[in-house]
Protein backbone atom coordinates (compact mmCIF):
# COMPACT_ATOMS: atom_id res chain seq x y z
CA MET A 1 -6.40 3.94 -30.91
CA ALA A 2 -8.22 4.95 -27.73
CA THR A 3 -6.29 6.00 -24.67
CA GLY A 4 -7.34 6.53 -21.07
CA THR A 5 -9.93 3.77 -21.03
CA ALA A 6 -11.34 2.52 -17.75
CA THR A 7 -9.65 -0.87 -18.26
CA GLU A 8 -6.13 0.59 -18.35
CA LYS A 9 -4.05 0.14 -15.24
CA PRO A 10 -3.51 3.56 -13.65
CA LYS A 11 0.03 4.84 -13.26
CA ILE A 12 1.01 4.69 -9.59
CA VAL A 13 4.22 6.39 -8.49
CA TRP A 14 6.23 6.18 -5.29
CA ASN A 15 6.61 9.58 -3.64
CA GLU A 16 9.28 8.76 -1.10
CA GLY A 17 9.51 12.34 0.19
CA ARG A 18 5.82 12.42 1.09
CA HIS A 19 5.77 8.79 2.30
CA ARG A 20 3.08 7.68 -0.07
CA PHE A 21 2.19 5.95 -3.30
CA GLU A 22 0.02 8.11 -5.52
CA THR A 23 -1.56 8.42 -8.92
CA ASP A 24 0.54 10.41 -11.35
CA ASP A 25 -1.87 13.36 -10.93
CA HIS A 26 -1.26 13.24 -7.11
CA GLU A 27 -5.01 13.11 -6.39
CA ALA A 28 -5.35 9.57 -5.02
CA PHE A 29 -2.82 8.11 -2.60
CA ILE A 30 -1.95 5.68 0.15
CA GLU A 31 0.20 7.07 2.98
CA TYR A 32 2.62 5.10 5.09
CA LYS A 33 4.97 5.47 8.04
CA MET A 34 8.12 3.41 8.38
CA LYS A 35 8.65 1.68 11.72
CA ASN A 36 11.04 -0.77 13.38
CA ASP A 37 14.18 0.79 11.92
CA GLY A 38 12.69 0.92 8.44
CA LYS A 39 11.66 -2.73 8.25
CA VAL A 40 7.90 -2.28 8.69
CA MET A 41 5.61 -0.17 6.52
CA ASP A 42 2.51 1.04 8.37
CA LEU A 43 -0.20 1.85 5.80
CA VAL A 44 -2.09 4.59 7.61
CA ARG A 45 -4.43 6.22 5.10
CA THR A 46 -5.90 5.67 1.66
CA PHE A 47 -7.59 8.55 -0.15
CA VAL A 48 -9.45 8.57 -3.47
CA PRO A 49 -11.36 11.74 -4.40
CA PRO A 50 -15.09 11.34 -5.08
CA SER A 51 -14.50 12.22 -8.73
CA LYS A 52 -12.42 9.03 -9.10
CA ALA A 53 -14.46 6.69 -6.92
CA GLY A 54 -15.32 3.30 -8.37
CA LEU A 55 -12.27 3.06 -10.65
CA GLY A 56 -10.39 0.61 -8.42
CA LEU A 57 -7.71 3.15 -7.54
CA ALA A 58 -7.57 2.21 -3.85
CA SER A 59 -6.85 -1.38 -4.80
CA HIS A 60 -4.14 -0.34 -7.29
CA LEU A 61 -2.54 1.87 -4.64
CA CYS A 62 -2.52 -1.04 -2.19
CA VAL A 63 -0.96 -3.37 -4.75
CA ALA A 64 1.81 -0.83 -5.40
CA ALA A 65 2.53 -0.54 -1.66
CA PHE A 66 2.47 -4.31 -1.11
CA GLU A 67 4.69 -4.94 -4.14
CA HIS A 68 7.16 -2.34 -2.86
CA ALA A 69 7.14 -3.95 0.57
CA SER A 70 7.70 -7.38 -0.94
CA GLU A 71 10.59 -6.16 -3.11
CA HIS A 72 12.29 -4.57 -0.08
CA SER A 73 11.55 -7.35 2.43
CA PHE A 74 9.29 -5.11 4.53
CA SER A 75 6.30 -6.31 6.46
CA ILE A 76 3.10 -4.26 6.56
CA ILE A 77 0.87 -3.01 9.35
CA PRO A 78 -2.59 -2.43 7.83
CA THR A 79 -3.71 0.49 10.03
CA CYS A 80 -5.87 1.96 7.26
CA SER A 81 -9.34 0.44 7.45
CA TYR A 82 -9.56 0.04 3.66
CA VAL A 83 -6.40 -2.08 3.69
CA SER A 84 -7.37 -4.21 6.69
CA GLU A 85 -11.12 -4.58 6.08
CA THR A 86 -11.43 -4.56 2.29
CA PHE A 87 -8.18 -5.09 0.38
CA LEU A 88 -6.79 -7.97 2.43
CA HIS A 89 -10.16 -9.74 2.39
CA ARG A 90 -10.40 -9.43 -1.40
CA TYR A 91 -6.75 -10.37 -1.97
CA PRO A 92 -5.71 -12.76 0.83
CA THR A 93 -2.52 -13.72 -1.02
CA TRP A 94 -0.96 -10.51 0.33
CA GLN A 95 -1.65 -11.60 3.92
CA ASN A 96 1.84 -13.11 4.17
CA LEU A 97 3.31 -9.59 4.31
CA VAL A 98 1.21 -8.51 7.29
CA HIS A 99 3.37 -7.75 10.30
CA SER A 100 2.95 -9.77 13.47
CA GLU A 101 4.44 -9.41 16.93
CA ASP A 102 6.54 -12.49 16.20
CA ASP A 103 8.13 -10.52 13.34
CA SER A 104 9.17 -7.81 15.82
CA LYS A 105 10.79 -10.35 18.11
CA ASN A 106 12.67 -11.87 15.18
CA LEU A 107 13.81 -8.44 14.01
CA LYS A 108 15.10 -7.47 17.43
CA SER A 109 16.87 -10.76 17.98
CA SER A 110 18.61 -10.60 14.60
CA ILE A 111 20.19 -7.21 15.30
């Protein structure tokens, strides 16, 4: 049985201490900053080394971050250009998690 094929979903892990989701080899990652008292995840940078380009890792990293946000009722600020200009255009179903100013007003008023 073959392992490590290109069609296998890569293992993405949450590295809470480094504020990022990363491949299990730590080479590719998406970094975030928490804002608004920990209710908003600002995705600030996605990095995939040239040796792993074209494998869809950036997309898998984004999915992991968006799934985490969804599970924890966070909204997302897509500061990273890959997230805002590529990922969200390819996968518009995640758009509902994108933070808006109205979300901030609702957060402040509910405290």
